Amino acid sequence: MIFKVYYQEHPERNPKRETTQSLYLEAESLPQARELIEENTQYNVEYIEELSDKAVTYEKAYPHFEITTF
C-alpha cells in the first residue's frame, strides 16, 4: 500500500497549514508507515493517508511524486 504522509519538518514549532509538507511511503499497514517515519525522521506527523489506486494514479501525474525509502 502507498501512504501519503503530511508532516511538519520542525517538531518544536506549531503546525501551520502553509508549512505542511508531504511524502509518499510504501508500507504494509498504517502502523508500519507511522513506525517507519518515527524511526527514520524527526518530523511532526500530522496525518497519514492510505491512497486508493485512483489516488495513486492521480498523484503520479505530478512531477513531485516519488516514493520515499529509508
Protein backbone atom coordinates (compact mmCIF):
# COMPACT_ATOMS: atom_id res chain seq x y z
CA MET A 1 0.00 0.00 0.00
CA ILE A 2 1.09 3.54 -0.63
CA PHE A 3 0.57 6.18 2.03
CA LYS A 4 0.78 9.95 1.81
CA VAL A 5 2.30 11.41 4.96
CA TYR A 6 1.59 15.04 5.86
CA TYR A 7 4.18 16.46 8.23
CA GLN A 8 5.96 19.47 9.65
CA GLU A 9 9.74 19.41 9.35
CA HIS A 10 10.34 21.02 12.73
CA PRO A 11 8.60 19.20 15.60
CA GLU A 12 9.19 22.06 18.04
CA ARG A 13 7.08 24.53 16.02
CA ASN A 14 3.31 24.78 15.98
CA PRO A 15 1.86 23.18 12.84
CA LYS A 16 0.74 25.61 10.15
CA ARG A 17 -1.04 24.58 7.00
CA GLU A 18 1.26 26.80 4.94
CA THR A 19 4.34 24.84 6.02
CA THR A 20 2.86 21.34 5.79
CA GLN A 21 4.89 19.06 3.54
CA SER A 22 4.17 15.57 2.29
CA LEU A 23 5.94 12.43 1.24
CA TYR A 24 4.85 9.10 -0.18
CA LEU A 25 5.71 5.87 1.53
CA GLU A 26 5.15 2.20 0.77
CA ALA A 27 4.22 0.06 3.78
CA GLU A 28 2.13 -2.99 4.68
CA SER A 29 -0.15 -1.08 7.08
CA LEU A 30 -0.81 2.30 8.66
CA PRO A 31 1.01 1.35 11.90
CA GLN A 32 4.05 0.23 9.90
CA ALA A 33 4.03 3.50 7.93
CA ARG A 34 3.96 5.50 11.18
CA GLU A 35 6.75 3.35 12.62
CA LEU A 36 8.95 3.92 9.55
CA ILE A 37 8.51 7.68 9.82
CA GLU A 38 9.17 7.76 13.57
CA GLU A 39 12.29 5.58 13.31
CA ASN A 40 13.84 7.45 10.38
CA THR A 41 12.87 11.11 10.79
CA GLN A 42 12.26 13.79 13.40
CA TYR A 43 9.14 15.00 11.58
CA ASN A 44 5.98 16.07 13.36
CA VAL A 45 3.44 13.86 11.56
CA GLU A 46 0.05 15.49 11.11
CA TYR A 47 -1.78 12.81 9.16
CA ILE A 48 -1.13 9.59 7.25
CA GLU A 49 -3.49 8.82 4.40
CA GLU A 50 -3.76 5.46 2.63
CA LEU A 51 -4.07 6.17 -1.09
CA SER A 52 -6.50 4.29 -3.28
CA ASP A 53 -5.38 3.07 -6.71
CA LYS A 54 -7.14 6.05 -8.31
CA ALA A 55 -5.44 8.46 -5.93
CA VAL A 56 -2.03 6.95 -6.71
CA THR A 57 -2.69 7.32 -10.43
CA TYR A 58 -3.66 10.96 -9.86
CA GLU A 59 -0.58 11.69 -7.74
CA LYS A 60 1.74 10.03 -10.29
CA ALA A 61 0.67 12.62 -12.86
CA TYR A 62 2.64 15.27 -10.98
CA PRO A 63 6.44 15.57 -11.10
CA HIS A 64 6.74 15.78 -7.30
CA PHE A 65 5.57 12.17 -6.88
CA GLU A 66 8.37 9.99 -5.53
CA ILE A 67 8.14 7.11 -3.07
CA THR A 68 10.47 7.69 -0.13
CA THR A 69 12.61 4.78 1.03
CA PHE A 70 14.58 4.54 4.24
